[in-house]
Protein backbone atom coordinates (compact mmCIF):
# COMPACT_ATOMS: atom_id res chain seq x y z
CA UNK A 1 10.98 56.57 -2.96
CA UNK A 2 14.41 56.39 -4.62
CA UNK A 3 13.23 53.57 -6.91
CA UNK A 4 10.23 55.67 -7.90
CA UNK A 5 12.49 58.64 -8.67
CA UNK A 6 14.78 56.57 -10.89
CA UNK A 7 11.86 54.97 -12.71
CA UNK A 8 10.29 58.38 -13.32
CA UNK A 9 13.59 59.76 -14.62
CA UNK A 10 14.00 56.77 -16.94
CA UNK A 11 10.44 57.29 -18.23
CA UNK A 12 11.15 60.97 -18.90
CA UNK A 13 14.35 60.17 -20.77
CA UNK A 14 12.62 57.52 -22.91
CA UNK A 15 9.73 59.90 -23.63
CA UNK A 16 12.04 62.73 -24.64
CA UNK A 17 14.18 60.59 -26.92
CA UNK A 18 11.10 59.01 -28.48
CA UNK A 19 12.05 55.39 -27.90
CA UNK A 20 14.16 53.25 -25.63
CA UNK A 21 17.82 53.47 -26.58
CA UNK A 22 19.41 50.16 -27.50
CA UNK A 23 22.87 49.97 -25.98
CA UNK A 24 25.72 49.26 -28.37
CA UNK A 25 27.24 45.84 -27.77
CA UNK A 26 31.02 45.63 -27.68
CA UNK A 27 33.93 43.28 -27.14
CA UNK A 28 37.08 44.86 -25.74
CA UNK A 29 40.53 43.69 -26.85
CA UNK A 30 43.12 45.03 -24.40
CA UNK A 31 46.88 44.67 -24.02
CA UNK A 32 46.45 45.49 -20.36
CA UNK A 33 49.74 45.93 -18.44
CA UNK A 34 51.60 47.10 -21.55
CA UNK A 35 50.75 50.64 -20.35
CA UNK A 36 48.71 51.87 -17.34
CA UNK A 37 46.26 53.55 -19.71
CA UNK A 38 44.38 50.29 -20.39
CA UNK A 39 43.53 50.05 -16.70
CA UNK A 40 42.48 53.71 -16.74
CA UNK A 41 40.17 53.03 -19.68
CA UNK A 42 38.64 49.99 -17.96
CA UNK A 43 37.79 52.09 -14.91
CA UNK A 44 35.91 54.54 -17.14
CA UNK A 45 34.30 51.77 -19.20
CA UNK A 46 32.74 50.09 -16.16
CA UNK A 47 31.20 53.41 -15.10
CA UNK A 48 29.27 53.28 -18.41
CA UNK A 49 28.54 49.56 -18.29
CA UNK A 50 24.81 50.31 -17.96
CA UNK A 51 24.91 52.27 -21.26
CA UNK A 52 27.34 50.05 -23.18
CA UNK A 53 26.49 46.36 -23.51
CA UNK A 54 29.84 44.72 -22.77
CA UNK A 55 30.00 41.26 -24.37
CA UNK A 56 33.65 40.37 -23.90
CA UNK A 57 36.87 41.51 -22.20
CA UNK A 58 39.76 39.86 -24.02
CA UNK A 59 43.38 40.14 -22.85
CA UNK A 60 45.70 40.38 -25.88
CA UNK A 61 49.26 41.10 -26.92
CA UNK A 62 50.56 44.13 -28.83
CA UNK A 63 53.77 45.58 -30.19
CA UNK A 64 54.47 46.75 -26.62
CA UNK A 65 53.91 43.31 -25.04
CA UNK A 66 54.46 40.54 -27.56
CA UNK A 67 54.47 37.29 -25.61
CA UNK A 68 52.03 37.46 -22.69
CA UNK A 69 48.45 38.36 -21.84
CA UNK A 70 47.09 39.48 -18.47
CA UNK A 71 43.43 38.57 -17.89
CA UNK A 72 44.00 38.70 -14.11
CA UNK A 73 44.52 42.46 -14.37
CA UNK A 74 41.04 42.87 -15.87
CA UNK A 75 39.66 40.99 -12.89
CA UNK A 76 41.34 43.37 -10.44
CA UNK A 77 39.42 46.31 -11.92
CA UNK A 78 36.18 44.32 -11.81
CA UNK A 79 36.82 43.56 -8.13
CA UNK A 80 37.01 47.31 -7.47
CA UNK A 81 33.82 47.86 -9.50
CA UNK A 82 32.06 45.21 -7.42
CA UNK A 83 32.53 47.33 -4.30
CA UNK A 84 30.81 50.38 -5.81
CA UNK A 85 28.11 48.80 -8.01
CA UNK A 86 25.36 49.09 -5.39
CA UNK A 87 26.03 52.81 -5.05
CA UNK A 88 26.07 53.29 -8.85
CA UNK A 89 22.59 51.74 -8.97
CA UNK A 90 21.33 54.58 -6.76
CA UNK A 91 21.92 56.92 -9.72
CA UNK A 92 20.99 54.93 -12.84
CA UNK A 93 19.65 51.43 -13.39
CA UNK A 94 21.27 48.68 -15.43
CA UNK A 95 24.79 48.28 -14.04
CA UNK A 96 25.70 44.59 -14.50
CA UNK A 97 26.74 42.37 -11.62
CA UNK A 98 30.49 42.02 -11.19
CA UNK A 99 30.24 38.25 -11.66
CA UNK A 100 28.61 38.81 -15.06
CA UNK A 101 31.59 40.93 -16.12
CA UNK A 102 34.06 38.39 -14.74
CA UNK A 103 32.51 35.69 -16.91
CA UNK A 104 33.31 37.83 -19.96
CA UNK A 105 37.08 37.77 -19.35
CA UNK A 106 38.86 35.77 -22.05
CA UNK A 107 42.41 35.44 -23.36
CA UNK A 108 43.92 35.72 -26.79
CA UNK A 109 47.09 33.84 -27.64
CA UNK A 110 50.34 35.10 -26.06
CA UNK A 111 51.75 35.59 -29.56
CA UNK A 112 52.54 38.73 -31.51
CA UNK A 113 50.48 39.71 -34.55
CA UNK A 114 50.34 37.31 -37.47
CA UNK A 115 52.32 34.70 -35.52
CA UNK A 116 49.00 34.09 -33.76
CA UNK A 117 46.84 33.89 -36.90
CA UNK A 118 46.23 30.78 -39.00
CA UNK A 119 45.56 27.06 -38.68
CA UNK A 120 45.63 25.93 -35.04
CA UNK A 121 45.76 29.49 -33.66
CA UNK A 122 42.27 29.62 -32.17
CA UNK A 123 41.93 30.99 -28.64
CA UNK A 124 39.09 31.42 -26.19
CA UNK A 125 39.11 35.09 -27.22
CA UNK A 126 38.74 34.44 -30.96
CA UNK A 127 36.13 31.72 -30.38
CA UNK A 128 34.22 34.12 -28.10
CA UNK A 129 34.04 36.73 -30.86
CA UNK A 130 32.63 34.15 -33.26
CA UNK A 131 30.09 32.89 -30.71
CA UNK A 132 28.85 36.43 -30.04
CA UNK A 133 28.60 37.16 -33.77
CA UNK A 134 26.53 34.03 -34.31
CA UNK A 135 23.90 35.03 -31.74
CA UNK A 136 20.46 36.05 -32.98
CA UNK A 137 20.95 39.77 -32.38
CA UNK A 138 20.28 42.48 -34.92
CA UNK A 139 22.63 44.97 -33.27
CA UNK A 140 26.13 45.35 -34.74
CA UNK A 141 29.02 43.97 -32.69
CA UNK A 142 31.74 46.52 -32.00
CA UNK A 143 35.32 45.37 -31.50
CA UNK A 144 37.02 48.06 -29.44
CA UNK A 145 40.74 47.38 -29.88
CA UNK A 146 43.16 48.89 -27.37
CA UNK A 147 46.21 46.85 -28.36
CA UNK A 148 46.92 44.23 -31.01
CA UNK A 149 44.07 43.01 -33.19
CA UNK A 150 45.24 39.47 -33.94
CA UNK A 151 42.49 37.87 -31.82
CA UNK A 152 39.94 39.41 -34.20
CA UNK A 153 42.11 38.45 -37.17
CA UNK A 154 41.98 34.82 -36.07
CA UNK A 155 38.20 34.96 -35.71
CA UNK A 156 37.92 36.34 -39.25
CA UNK A 157 40.35 33.69 -40.54
CA UNK A 158 38.31 30.87 -38.98
CA UNK A 159 34.98 32.21 -40.22
CA UNK A 160 36.41 32.56 -43.72
CA UNK A 161 37.75 28.99 -43.68
CA UNK A 162 34.79 27.21 -42.06
CA UNK A 163 31.63 29.05 -43.11
CA UNK A 164 29.87 29.30 -46.44
CA UNK A 165 30.57 32.50 -48.34
CA UNK A 166 27.02 33.71 -47.70
CA UNK A 167 27.18 33.01 -43.97
CA UNK A 168 30.65 34.54 -43.64
CA UNK A 169 29.48 37.73 -45.34
CA UNK A 170 26.46 37.87 -43.03
CA UNK A 171 28.68 37.66 -39.98
CA UNK A 172 31.28 40.12 -41.30
CA UNK A 173 28.51 42.65 -42.02
CA UNK A 174 27.65 42.73 -38.30
CA UNK A 175 31.17 43.75 -37.25
CA UNK A 176 32.27 47.30 -36.43
CA UNK A 177 35.95 47.76 -35.62
CA UNK A 178 37.64 50.74 -33.94
CA UNK A 179 41.35 50.22 -33.37
CA UNK A 180 43.77 52.52 -31.60
CA UNK A 181 46.27 52.80 -34.47
CA UNK A 182 48.08 49.61 -35.57
CA UNK A 183 49.66 47.83 -32.60
CA UNK A 184 50.55 44.67 -34.47
CA UNK A 185 50.91 43.56 -38.10
CA UNK A 186 47.50 41.88 -38.30
CA UNK A 187 45.64 45.19 -38.71
CA UNK A 188 46.86 45.76 -42.27
CA UNK A 189 46.24 42.04 -42.97
CA UNK A 190 42.60 42.42 -41.92
CA UNK A 191 42.11 45.52 -44.07
CA UNK A 192 43.71 43.87 -47.09
CA UNK A 193 41.83 40.58 -46.82
CA UNK A 194 38.41 41.83 -45.71
CA UNK A 195 37.91 44.92 -47.87
CA UNK A 196 34.26 45.47 -46.93
CA UNK A 197 34.79 45.35 -43.17
CA UNK A 198 33.68 48.46 -41.24
CA UNK A 199 37.00 49.65 -39.83
CA UNK A 200 38.00 52.86 -38.01
CA UNK A 201 41.73 53.52 -37.59
CA UNK A 202 44.44 56.12 -37.83
CA UNK A 203 46.72 53.67 -39.67
CA UNK A 204 50.30 52.83 -38.80
CA UNK A 205 52.04 53.33 -35.48
CA UNK A 206 53.00 57.01 -35.79
CA UNK A 207 50.76 58.15 -32.95
CA UNK A 208 51.51 61.81 -33.59
CA UNK A 209 49.29 61.62 -36.69
CA UNK A 210 46.41 59.80 -34.95
CA UNK A 211 43.04 61.35 -34.15
CA UNK A 212 42.73 59.50 -30.84
CA UNK A 213 45.67 61.41 -29.33
CA UNK A 214 43.32 64.38 -29.03
CA UNK A 215 42.14 62.86 -25.76
CA UNK A 216 45.37 63.67 -23.94
CA UNK A 217 47.29 66.24 -26.01
CA UNK A 218 48.12 69.64 -24.51
CA UNK A 219 46.46 72.27 -26.69
CA UNK A 220 48.04 75.71 -26.71
CA UNK A 221 45.49 78.50 -26.33
CA UNK A 222 42.90 76.44 -24.43
CA UNK A 223 42.28 75.36 -20.85
CA UNK A 224 43.78 71.88 -20.40
CA UNK A 225 42.83 71.48 -16.73
CA UNK A 226 40.64 68.40 -17.13
CA UNK A 227 43.53 66.26 -18.37
CA UNK A 228 45.99 67.44 -15.72
CA UNK A 229 47.36 65.03 -13.14
CA UNK A 230 46.05 67.21 -10.31
CA UNK A 231 42.53 67.16 -11.80
CA UNK A 232 42.66 63.36 -12.13
CA UNK A 233 43.87 63.00 -8.54
CA UNK A 234 41.10 65.20 -7.16
CA UNK A 235 38.19 64.08 -9.36
CA UNK A 236 38.97 60.44 -10.11
CA UNK A 237 41.66 58.81 -8.01
CA UNK A 238 41.26 60.10 -4.46
CA UNK A 239 38.16 60.10 -2.27
CA UNK A 240 35.92 58.24 -4.72
CA UNK A 241 36.11 54.70 -3.40
CA UNK A 242 37.99 51.63 -4.59
CA UNK A 243 37.27 52.07 -8.31
CA UNK A 244 38.81 55.53 -8.31
CA UNK A 245 41.75 54.23 -6.30
CA UNK A 246 42.28 51.57 -8.99
CA UNK A 247 42.92 54.33 -11.58
CA UNK A 248 46.73 54.41 -12.03
CA UNK A 249 48.90 57.47 -12.58
CA UNK A 250 49.61 58.57 -16.15
CA UNK A 251 52.85 57.13 -17.49
CA UNK A 252 52.86 57.92 -21.24
CA UNK A 253 49.45 59.41 -21.96
CA UNK A 254 46.07 59.54 -20.27
CA UNK A 255 43.60 56.95 -21.56
CA UNK A 256 44.82 56.61 -25.11
CA UNK A 257 42.41 53.69 -25.57
CA UNK A 258 39.23 55.37 -24.33
CA UNK A 259 38.33 56.94 -27.73
CA UNK A 260 37.66 53.40 -28.98
CA UNK A 261 34.43 53.30 -26.94
CA UNK A 262 33.54 56.95 -26.26
CA UNK A 263 31.25 57.17 -29.29
CA UNK A 264 29.21 54.21 -28.03
CA UNK A 265 27.84 56.26 -25.12
CA UNK A 266 24.28 57.56 -25.43
CA UNK A 267 24.62 61.35 -25.05
CA UNK A 268 22.50 62.72 -27.93
CA UNK A 269 25.60 63.61 -29.99
CA UNK A 270 27.07 60.18 -30.67
CA UNK A 271 25.82 58.09 -33.59
CA UNK A 272 28.31 55.24 -33.71
CA UNK A 273 27.12 54.00 -37.10
CA UNK A 274 28.05 57.38 -38.60
CA UNK A 275 31.71 58.16 -37.83
CA UNK A 276 31.51 61.04 -40.34
CA UNK A 277 29.03 62.84 -38.08
CA UNK A 278 31.51 63.27 -35.24
CA UNK A 279 31.18 62.59 -31.52
CA UNK A 280 33.10 62.04 -28.32
CA UNK A 281 35.38 59.50 -30.03
CA UNK A 282 36.30 61.88 -32.88
CA UNK A 283 35.17 62.23 -36.48
CA UNK A 284 36.28 60.04 -39.38
CA UNK A 285 35.75 59.94 -43.14
CA UNK A 286 35.76 57.04 -45.62
CA UNK A 287 38.75 57.12 -47.99
CA UNK A 288 42.03 55.37 -48.77
CA UNK A 289 44.89 57.25 -47.05
CA UNK A 290 47.85 58.38 -49.12
CA UNK A 291 51.02 56.50 -48.25
CA UNK A 292 53.17 59.52 -49.18
CA UNK A 293 55.01 61.06 -46.23
CA UNK A 294 53.92 58.26 -43.90
CA UNK A 295 56.56 57.18 -41.42
CA UNK A 296 57.17 54.47 -38.87
CA UNK A 297 56.61 55.27 -35.23
CA UNK A 298 58.66 53.89 -32.37
CA UNK A 299 57.21 50.35 -32.27
CA UNK A 300 58.01 47.18 -34.23
CA UNK A 301 54.94 47.49 -36.48
CA UNK A 302 55.93 47.86 -40.13
CA UNK A 303 53.76 50.15 -42.23
CA UNK A 304 52.60 49.36 -45.75
CA UNK A 305 50.56 51.16 -48.43
CA UNK A 306 46.83 50.74 -47.94
CA UNK A 307 44.84 48.82 -50.54
CA UNK A 308 41.33 49.98 -49.63
CA UNK A 309 39.25 52.77 -48.14
CA UNK A 310 38.22 52.76 -44.49
CA UNK A 311 37.15 55.24 -41.80
CA UNK A 312 40.13 57.42 -40.90
CA UNK A 313 41.32 60.91 -39.91
CA UNK A 314 39.10 63.89 -40.77
CA UNK A 315 39.52 67.57 -39.95
CA UNK A 316 37.25 69.92 -38.04
CA UNK A 317 37.57 73.69 -37.74
CA UNK A 318 36.48 74.70 -34.26
CA UNK A 319 36.11 78.08 -32.56
CA UNK A 320 35.42 77.66 -28.82
CA UNK A 321 32.89 79.69 -26.88
CA UNK A 322 33.82 81.16 -23.51
CA UNK A 323 31.82 82.57 -20.61
CA UNK A 324 31.17 86.31 -20.76
CA UNK A 325 30.85 88.18 -17.45
CA UNK A 326 28.52 90.93 -18.71
CA UNK A 327 25.85 90.96 -21.39
CA UNK A 328 25.34 87.80 -23.43
CA UNK A 329 26.58 84.92 -21.27
CA UNK A 330 28.75 83.30 -23.95
CA UNK A 331 30.89 84.66 -26.72
CA UNK A 332 33.03 83.21 -29.49
CA UNK A 333 36.74 83.44 -28.73
CA UNK A 334 37.61 84.08 -32.38
CA UNK A 335 40.53 81.70 -31.85
CA UNK A 336 40.00 78.86 -34.32
CA UNK A 337 41.64 75.43 -34.42
CA UNK A 338 41.77 73.05 -37.38
CA UNK A 339 43.03 69.45 -37.31
CA UNK A 340 41.88 65.85 -37.05
CA UNK A 341 42.57 65.89 -33.30
CA UNK A 342 40.17 68.82 -32.92
CA UNK A 343 37.36 66.41 -33.80
CA UNK A 344 37.97 64.75 -30.45
CA UNK A 345 39.38 67.30 -28.01
CA UNK A 346 36.59 69.81 -28.78
CA UNK A 347 34.35 67.62 -26.56
CA UNK A 348 37.01 66.83 -23.97
CA UNK A 349 35.81 68.97 -21.06
CA UNK A 350 32.32 67.54 -21.52
CA UNK A 351 33.35 63.89 -21.34
CA UNK A 352 35.87 64.49 -18.57
CA UNK A 353 33.23 66.18 -16.42
CA UNK A 354 30.86 63.32 -17.20
CA UNK A 355 33.53 60.87 -16.04
CA UNK A 356 34.03 62.84 -12.81
CA UNK A 357 30.29 62.90 -12.11
CA UNK A 358 29.99 59.15 -12.55
CA UNK A 359 32.97 58.66 -10.28
CA UNK A 360 31.04 60.69 -7.68
CA UNK A 361 28.22 58.18 -8.09
CA UNK A 362 30.53 55.53 -6.63
CA UNK A 363 30.30 57.07 -3.16
CA UNK A 364 27.61 59.79 -3.05
CA UNK A 365 23.88 59.58 -2.57
CA UNK A 366 21.55 60.63 -5.38
CA UNK A 367 20.86 63.93 -3.65
CA UNK A 368 24.57 64.70 -3.20
CA UNK A 369 25.61 64.01 -6.79
CA UNK A 370 24.94 65.63 -10.17
CA UNK A 371 23.07 64.02 -13.06
CA UNK A 372 22.91 65.13 -16.71
CA UNK A 373 20.16 67.33 -18.14
CA UNK A 374 17.67 65.88 -20.63
CA UNK A 375 17.33 68.04 -23.77
CA UNK A 376 13.86 67.96 -25.35
CA UNK A 377 13.08 69.30 -28.83
CA UNK A 378 9.72 70.82 -29.70
CA UNK A 379 9.96 69.33 -33.20
CA UNK A 380 11.46 66.27 -34.96
CA UNK A 381 15.25 65.89 -35.10
CA UNK A 382 15.06 65.64 -38.90
CA UNK A 383 13.38 68.42 -40.86
CA UNK A 384 13.30 69.58 -44.49
CA UNK A 385 13.37 73.22 -45.60
CA UNK A 386 13.67 75.01 -48.92
CA UNK A 387 16.71 76.90 -50.09
CA UNK A 388 16.68 80.40 -48.57
CA UNK A 389 13.83 79.53 -46.17
CA UNK A 390 13.93 80.47 -42.48
CA UNK A 391 13.38 77.83 -39.82
CA UNK A 392 13.19 77.67 -36.04
CA UNK A 393 14.76 75.18 -33.63
CA UNK A 394 13.39 74.99 -30.10
CA UNK A 395 14.16 72.99 -26.93
CA UNK A 396 11.74 74.60 -24.50
CA UNK A 397 10.83 71.34 -22.72
CA UNK A 398 14.39 70.53 -21.64
CA UNK A 399 14.59 69.33 -18.03
CA UNK A 400 17.21 68.63 -15.38
CA UNK A 401 16.61 65.73 -12.97
CA UNK A 402 18.26 67.57 -10.05
CA UNK A 403 16.35 70.78 -10.60
CA UNK A 404 19.54 72.58 -11.65
CA UNK A 405 19.42 75.54 -13.97
CA UNK A 406 21.05 74.99 -17.33
CA UNK A 407 22.29 76.86 -20.39
CA UNK A 408 21.69 76.34 -24.11
CA UNK A 409 24.19 76.61 -26.94
CA UNK A 410 23.22 76.02 -30.59
CA UNK A 411 25.72 75.70 -33.41
CA UNK A 412 26.01 74.41 -36.94
CA UNK A 413 28.47 71.51 -37.46
CA UNK A 414 29.32 71.99 -41.15
CA UNK A 415 31.82 69.11 -41.42
CA UNK A 416 29.16 66.60 -40.38
CA UNK A 417 26.80 67.34 -43.29
CA UNK A 418 27.10 67.77 -47.04
CA UNK A 419 26.53 71.54 -46.78
CA UNK A 420 30.01 72.74 -45.84
CA UNK A 421 29.08 76.42 -45.78
CA UNK A 422 28.83 77.49 -42.10
CA UNK A 423 25.33 78.64 -41.16
CA UNK A 424 25.19 81.32 -38.49
CA UNK A 425 22.27 81.78 -36.09
CA UNK A 426 20.12 84.89 -36.59
CA UNK A 427 20.52 86.40 -33.14
CA UNK A 428 21.65 84.82 -29.87
CA UNK A 429 22.83 81.21 -29.84
CA UNK A 430 22.28 80.66 -26.10
CA UNK A 431 18.46 80.72 -25.87
CA UNK A 432 15.99 77.84 -25.99
CA UNK A 433 14.63 78.92 -29.42
CA UNK A 434 16.83 79.98 -32.32
CA UNK A 435 16.18 81.06 -35.89
CA UNK A 436 18.28 80.14 -38.93
CA UNK A 437 18.06 80.87 -42.64
CA UNK A 438 18.85 78.02 -45.01
CA UNK A 439 21.56 78.91 -47.55
CA UNK A 440 20.93 78.88 -51.28
CA UNK A 441 21.68 75.45 -52.72
CA UNK A 442 21.74 74.04 -56.26
CA UNK A 443 21.10 70.46 -55.14
CA UNK A 444 19.78 68.74 -52.03
CA UNK A 445 22.15 69.19 -49.07
CA UNK A 446 22.15 68.23 -45.41
CA UNK A 447 23.22 70.48 -42.53
CA UNK A 448 23.80 69.32 -38.95
CA UNK A 449 22.89 71.52 -35.99
CA UNK A 450 23.93 70.66 -32.44
CA UNK A 451 22.11 71.71 -29.30
CA UNK A 452 24.40 71.60 -26.28
CA UNK A 453 22.67 71.78 -22.89
CA UNK A 454 24.92 72.22 -19.84
CA UNK A 455 23.67 72.29 -16.26
CA UNK A 456 25.14 74.23 -13.34
CA UNK A 457 25.65 71.31 -11.00
CA UNK A 458 29.02 70.10 -9.73
CA UNK A 459 30.66 69.05 -11.95
CA UNK A 460 28.78 70.67 -14.82
CA UNK A 461 27.23 68.08 -17.13
CA UNK A 462 26.33 68.30 -20.81
CA UNK A 463 23.94 66.47 -23.11
CA UNK A 464 23.11 67.18 -26.74
CA UNK A 465 20.56 66.97 -29.49
CA UNK A 466 21.54 66.66 -33.15
CA UNK A 467 19.13 68.09 -35.71
CA UNK A 468 19.68 67.16 -39.35
CA UNK A 469 18.17 69.67 -41.75
CA UNK A 470 17.71 68.67 -45.38
CA UNK A 471 17.86 71.74 -47.65
CA UNK A 472 16.23 71.37 -51.06
CA UNK A 473 16.47 73.80 -54.00
CA UNK A 474 13.51 76.14 -54.56
């Protein structure tokens, strides 16, 4: 009966989204043991290992750990995952066997930065990246970098030296890199020497200026409960089986590396190929950062002027909605926030609750746990309207697999499209069908609208739909 329920749910999800989602494939580079947060991020990653196609788990160095790598620490987290995998499969299919994950553990060289790049500096980690790139697979290969990036740098060096120019360019075009700032001196080398490489980074080692710190920063004027140590203890660490128990206490910052894979999760909001659209991992724009007023952080990484454009910090302006006790169930707080970190922390409660729910899956039955709603549009997710024309968006067929009630919230995301003028809903924003009026435009523009559906289970879970409206002049 349970198998039938899961198969039916999977069929409904595929039907609603129009086609089967192809999981993003990724290789993780981690300086695990330099900071407890790498272990924290691995715990979360394995809870999404049925939605993210993990192709490698490479232990590396960084500016915080320059002469050793710790693949055995990756294995310890996998051992904890092995004990809960069967229970995870009660909730969603596709979680890989622990042995499959163990076979993906590789090591980079125990050398810092560019000292580990060049002739004779190959490692099983760099060779593994090349081997995965060479496979007959049309999907891009993401390199999610939680520490130093010299293992990737060596792979690029070897490809450049041993492949034809045409073949090297073909392989480079398949790469997608998201690095958590610069944690060794090979990051700037990669950007300088491979100017066309898809690369997301808040450059340098001044973490205070980095978008990814939005995952754990305390934000004045908002509720920060879901990043508190007491919340982590109750919802992640204690009473959730061996994988939760493997989640260490926060030392410097909670899960600073997790943003490097958050946007690979299939939630209806994330489109990893479009960092400028925004998602759980933040929003980024393509430009060459100004070196003026840049400063060194506290590590040994030396900063330099950038020579090329890449995906980097972008600002959102965000006004949260809060629950209203009487009348309309939600209202705008009127308290707006603007920064690059807003692009990430605006979704924080959603992805923290999602994490907590999946941690529940480690020990609870299907009936005891909560599962996310499935938004369903009554129309395509891309539509075209004329300047000044009214249009309707509707999600009447939205379902929840647990039979929970759920709420709707529609909003325009002006930073994600070319039309930067905010577009307000005509009426209530918390009903299944909303009506908008396209603004007057002089040239073709795009506007992004987000549907946020949140159930009333425990913990509350959210999924999204993104509608891209093309507005053409009359």
